[in-house]
Amino acid sequence: FTKGYEEKIEDILNDAIFDEDHHEMVVVKDIYMFSTCEHHLVPFIGRVSIGYLPDRRVLGLSKLARIVEVYSRRLQVQERLTRQIATALCQGIGARGVGVVVEATHMCMVMRGVQKINATTITATMLGKFREDARTREEFLALI
């Protein structure tokens, strides 16, 4: 459940960054993930959607899922997980912008306390053009 502490983003991305004259949005949605809530030590399970605007460098698509895997396989809170995925991608390939949306069900809300089985938590992080330009952000959100 915690193998993400042993992995480095640089090692994952190193052979999968390609020089490509591509400037349009790239989106991979519904990447399923599970993580462990650091407060209650129970799982949260959901899906991640990632979009980015390349700046002449694209990333192998499976590496987006690997980034999710690295950070979700740590003790986490969803807000941090969302930000870590976005920051890793932005820094890793120098993207002009990144958007990440995570939708998850937290077992700490299902199994204990309020016991709300249908509650879903949605977090989003927008960096670069996704934060600065409403049209870019809206296009990403419409695609996912």
C-alpha atoms as a PDB file:
ATOM      1  CA  PHE A   1       0.000   0.000   0.000  1.00  0.00           C
ATOM      2  CA  THR A   2       2.940   2.363   0.417  1.00  0.00           C
ATOM      3  CA  LYS A   3       5.284   1.521  -2.442  1.00  0.00           C
ATOM      4  CA  GLY A   4       5.014   5.123  -3.650  1.00  0.00           C
ATOM      5  CA  TYR A   5       7.542   6.195  -1.041  1.00  0.00           C
ATOM      6  CA  GLU A   6      10.176   4.074  -2.778  1.00  0.00           C
ATOM      7  CA  GLU A   7       9.600   5.528  -6.256  1.00  0.00           C
ATOM      8  CA  LYS A   8      10.864   8.743  -7.783  1.00  0.00           C
ATOM      9  CA  ILE A   9       9.026  10.619 -10.512  1.00  0.00           C
ATOM     10  CA  GLU A  10      12.290  11.283 -12.364  1.00  0.00           C
ATOM     11  CA  ASP A  11      12.915   7.545 -12.712  1.00  0.00           C
ATOM     12  CA  ILE A  12       9.422   6.958 -14.073  1.00  0.00           C
ATOM     13  CA  LEU A  13       9.465   9.783 -16.624  1.00  0.00           C
ATOM     14  CA  ASN A  14      13.058   9.563 -17.818  1.00  0.00           C
ATOM     15  CA  ASP A  15      12.597   7.479 -20.965  1.00  0.00           C
ATOM     16  CA  ALA A  16       9.060   8.537 -21.862  1.00  0.00           C
ATOM     17  CA  ILE A  17       9.386  12.256 -22.640  1.00  0.00           C
ATOM     18  CA  PHE A  18       9.269  12.858 -26.365  1.00  0.00           C
ATOM     19  CA  ASP A  19      10.068  15.952 -28.400  1.00  0.00           C
ATOM     20  CA  GLU A  20       6.955  16.579 -30.426  1.00  0.00           C
ATOM     21  CA  ASP A  21       5.672  19.776 -32.027  1.00  0.00           C
ATOM     22  CA  HIS A  22       2.306  19.392 -30.324  1.00  0.00           C
ATOM     23  CA  HIS A  23       0.587  22.259 -28.538  1.00  0.00           C
ATOM     24  CA  GLU A  24      -2.983  21.002 -28.144  1.00  0.00           C
ATOM     25  CA  MET A  25      -4.494  19.616 -24.967  1.00  0.00           C
ATOM     26  CA  VAL A  26      -3.812  16.009 -23.991  1.00  0.00           C
ATOM     27  CA  VAL A  27      -6.342  14.387 -21.639  1.00  0.00           C
ATOM     28  CA  VAL A  28      -6.448  10.995 -19.962  1.00  0.00           C
ATOM     29  CA  LYS A  29      -9.511  10.482 -17.826  1.00  0.00           C
ATOM     30  CA  ASP A  30     -10.845   7.877 -15.432  1.00  0.00           C
ATOM     31  CA  ILE A  31      -7.522   6.567 -14.167  1.00  0.00           C
ATOM     32  CA  TYR A  32      -8.686   4.371 -11.305  1.00  0.00           C
ATOM     33  CA  MET A  33      -6.740   4.629  -8.075  1.00  0.00           C
ATOM     34  CA  PHE A  34      -6.828   3.789  -4.418  1.00  0.00           C
ATOM     35  CA  SER A  35      -4.965   5.354  -1.570  1.00  0.00           C
ATOM     36  CA  THR A  36      -4.934   5.270   2.219  1.00  0.00           C
ATOM     37  CA  CYS A  37      -6.225   8.147   4.311  1.00  0.00           C
ATOM     38  CA  GLU A  38      -3.387   9.272   6.563  1.00  0.00           C
ATOM     39  CA  HIS A  39      -5.824  10.365   9.270  1.00  0.00           C
ATOM     40  CA  HIS A  40      -7.882   7.177   9.617  1.00  0.00           C
ATOM     41  CA  LEU A  41      -5.723   4.531   7.889  1.00  0.00           C
ATOM     42  CA  VAL A  42      -8.604   3.336   5.723  1.00  0.00           C
ATOM     43  CA  PRO A  43      -8.810   3.431   1.915  1.00  0.00           C
ATOM     44  CA  PHE A  44     -10.209   6.013  -0.396  1.00  0.00           C
ATOM     45  CA  ILE A  45     -10.971   4.860  -3.903  1.00  0.00           C
ATOM     46  CA  GLY A  46     -11.720   6.802  -7.038  1.00  0.00           C
ATOM     47  CA  ARG A  47     -10.572   8.057 -10.371  1.00  0.00           C
ATOM     48  CA  VAL A  48      -8.253  10.734 -11.652  1.00  0.00           C
ATOM     49  CA  SER A  49      -8.519  12.801 -14.814  1.00  0.00           C
ATOM     50  CA  ILE A  50      -5.450  14.642 -16.081  1.00  0.00           C
ATOM     51  CA  GLY A  51      -5.053  17.196 -18.850  1.00  0.00           C
ATOM     52  CA  TYR A  52      -2.018  19.148 -19.950  1.00  0.00           C
ATOM     53  CA  LEU A  53      -0.854  21.584 -22.599  1.00  0.00           C
ATOM     54  CA  PRO A  54       2.510  20.431 -23.967  1.00  0.00           C
ATOM     55  CA  ASP A  55       5.300  22.827 -24.821  1.00  0.00           C
ATOM     56  CA  ARG A  56       6.970  20.752 -27.545  1.00  0.00           C
ATOM     57  CA  ARG A  57       7.372  17.807 -25.153  1.00  0.00           C
ATOM     58  CA  VAL A  58       4.793  15.078 -24.614  1.00  0.00           C
ATOM     59  CA  LEU A  59       4.727  12.286 -22.095  1.00  0.00           C
ATOM     60  CA  GLY A  60       3.981   8.643 -22.818  1.00  0.00           C
ATOM     61  CA  LEU A  61       0.339   8.180 -21.858  1.00  0.00           C
ATOM     62  CA  SER A  62       0.922   5.296 -19.468  1.00  0.00           C
ATOM     63  CA  LYS A  63       3.250   7.528 -17.479  1.00  0.00           C
ATOM     64  CA  LEU A  64       0.286   9.679 -16.452  1.00  0.00           C
ATOM     65  CA  ALA A  65      -1.175   6.620 -14.750  1.00  0.00           C
ATOM     66  CA  ARG A  66       2.217   5.877 -13.197  1.00  0.00           C
ATOM     67  CA  ILE A  67       2.363   9.376 -11.682  1.00  0.00           C
ATOM     68  CA  VAL A  68      -1.038   8.723 -10.128  1.00  0.00           C
ATOM     69  CA  GLU A  69       0.235   5.388  -8.828  1.00  0.00           C
ATOM     70  CA  VAL A  70       3.343   6.868  -7.206  1.00  0.00           C
ATOM     71  CA  TYR A  71       1.449   9.467  -5.214  1.00  0.00           C
ATOM     72  CA  SER A  72      -1.650   7.421  -4.434  1.00  0.00           C
ATOM     73  CA  ARG A  73       0.452   4.610  -2.954  1.00  0.00           C
ATOM     74  CA  ARG A  74       1.379   6.782   0.014  1.00  0.00           C
ATOM     75  CA  LEU A  75      -0.488   7.810   3.120  1.00  0.00           C
ATOM     76  CA  GLN A  76      -2.486  10.707   1.715  1.00  0.00           C
ATOM     77  CA  VAL A  77      -5.186  13.299   1.853  1.00  0.00           C
ATOM     78  CA  GLN A  78      -7.019  13.821  -1.417  1.00  0.00           C
ATOM     79  CA  GLU A  79      -6.224  17.525  -1.624  1.00  0.00           C
ATOM     80  CA  ARG A  80      -2.472  16.889  -1.464  1.00  0.00           C
ATOM     81  CA  LEU A  81      -2.692  13.950  -3.863  1.00  0.00           C
ATOM     82  CA  THR A  82      -4.378  16.156  -6.463  1.00  0.00           C
ATOM     83  CA  ARG A  83      -1.753  18.889  -6.125  1.00  0.00           C
ATOM     84  CA  GLN A  84       1.182  16.444  -6.179  1.00  0.00           C
ATOM     85  CA  ILE A  85       0.031  14.839  -9.427  1.00  0.00           C
ATOM     86  CA  ALA A  86      -0.394  18.233 -11.111  1.00  0.00           C
ATOM     87  CA  THR A  87       2.930  19.595  -9.885  1.00  0.00           C
ATOM     88  CA  ALA A  88       4.866  16.470 -10.880  1.00  0.00           C
ATOM     89  CA  LEU A  89       3.526  16.598 -14.426  1.00  0.00           C
ATOM     90  CA  CYS A  90       4.046  20.340 -14.807  1.00  0.00           C
ATOM     91  CA  GLN A  91       7.622  20.211 -13.559  1.00  0.00           C
ATOM     92  CA  GLY A  92       8.441  16.894 -15.199  1.00  0.00           C
ATOM     93  CA  ILE A  93       7.818  17.955 -18.790  1.00  0.00           C
ATOM     94  CA  GLY A  94       7.574  21.736 -18.569  1.00  0.00           C
ATOM     95  CA  ALA A  95       3.916  21.792 -19.590  1.00  0.00           C
ATOM     96  CA  ARG A  96       2.304  25.172 -20.284  1.00  0.00           C
ATOM     97  CA  GLY A  97      -0.565  24.127 -18.067  1.00  0.00           C
ATOM     98  CA  VAL A  98      -1.956  21.169 -16.146  1.00  0.00           C
ATOM     99  CA  GLY A  99      -5.373  20.270 -14.791  1.00  0.00           C
ATOM    100  CA  VAL A 100      -6.080  17.384 -12.425  1.00  0.00           C
ATOM    101  CA  VAL A 101      -9.452  16.349 -11.030  1.00  0.00           C
ATOM    102  CA  VAL A 102      -9.810  13.566  -8.463  1.00  0.00           C
ATOM    103  CA  GLU A 103     -13.182  12.052  -7.536  1.00  0.00           C
ATOM    104  CA  ALA A 104     -13.111   9.589  -4.651  1.00  0.00           C
ATOM    105  CA  THR A 105     -15.149   7.780  -2.044  1.00  0.00           C
ATOM    106  CA  HIS A 106     -13.573   7.791   1.386  1.00  0.00           C
ATOM    107  CA  MET A 107     -14.072   4.735   3.534  1.00  0.00           C
ATOM    108  CA  CYS A 108     -13.625   6.931   6.608  1.00  0.00           C
ATOM    109  CA  MET A 109     -16.981   8.499   5.665  1.00  0.00           C
ATOM    110  CA  VAL A 110     -18.564   5.165   4.717  1.00  0.00           C
ATOM    111  CA  MET A 111     -17.390   2.852   7.511  1.00  0.00           C
ATOM    112  CA  ARG A 112     -17.245   5.157  10.495  1.00  0.00           C
ATOM    113  CA  GLY A 113     -18.678   8.416  11.744  1.00  0.00           C
ATOM    114  CA  VAL A 114     -21.420   9.734   9.455  1.00  0.00           C
ATOM    115  CA  GLN A 115     -21.601   6.520   7.367  1.00  0.00           C
ATOM    116  CA  LYS A 116     -22.602   8.203   4.090  1.00  0.00           C
ATOM    117  CA  ILE A 117     -22.074   5.574   1.405  1.00  0.00           C
ATOM    118  CA  ASN A 118     -22.895   7.754  -1.613  1.00  0.00           C
ATOM    119  CA  ALA A 119     -20.720  10.749  -0.744  1.00  0.00           C
ATOM    120  CA  THR A 120     -18.061  11.602  -3.318  1.00  0.00           C
ATOM    121  CA  THR A 121     -15.273  14.108  -2.756  1.00  0.00           C
ATOM    122  CA  ILE A 122     -14.027  16.076  -5.772  1.00  0.00           C
ATOM    123  CA  THR A 123     -10.776  18.017  -5.730  1.00  0.00           C
ATOM    124  CA  ALA A 124      -9.116  19.940  -8.533  1.00  0.00           C
ATOM    125  CA  THR A 125      -5.763  21.568  -9.135  1.00  0.00           C
ATOM    126  CA  MET A 126      -5.195  23.865 -12.103  1.00  0.00           C
ATOM    127  CA  LEU A 127      -1.731  25.165 -12.966  1.00  0.00           C
ATOM    128  CA  GLY A 128      -0.451  27.527 -15.659  1.00  0.00           C
ATOM    129  CA  LYS A 129      -2.869  28.092 -18.555  1.00  0.00           C
ATOM    130  CA  PHE A 130      -5.506  25.949 -16.862  1.00  0.00           C
ATOM    131  CA  ARG A 131      -5.578  28.430 -13.982  1.00  0.00           C
ATOM    132  CA  GLU A 132      -5.024  31.618 -15.976  1.00  0.00           C
ATOM    133  CA  ASP A 133      -7.316  31.028 -18.965  1.00  0.00           C
ATOM    134  CA  ALA A 134     -10.991  30.278 -18.283  1.00  0.00           C
ATOM    135  CA  ARG A 135     -11.512  28.893 -21.818  1.00  0.00           C
ATOM    136  CA  THR A 136      -8.710  26.354 -21.402  1.00  0.00           C
ATOM    137  CA  ARG A 137     -10.074  25.300 -18.020  1.00  0.00           C
ATOM    138  CA  GLU A 138     -13.613  25.002 -19.411  1.00  0.00           C
ATOM    139  CA  GLU A 139     -12.413  22.903 -22.366  1.00  0.00           C
ATOM    140  CA  PHE A 140     -10.647  20.507 -19.989  1.00  0.00           C
ATOM    141  CA  LEU A 141     -13.631  20.212 -17.668  1.00  0.00           C
ATOM    142  CA  ALA A 142     -15.977  19.610 -20.626  1.00  0.00           C
ATOM    143  CA  LEU A 143     -13.738  16.779 -21.891  1.00  0.00           C
ATOM    144  CA  ILE A 144     -13.714  14.928 -18.612  1.00  0.00           C
END
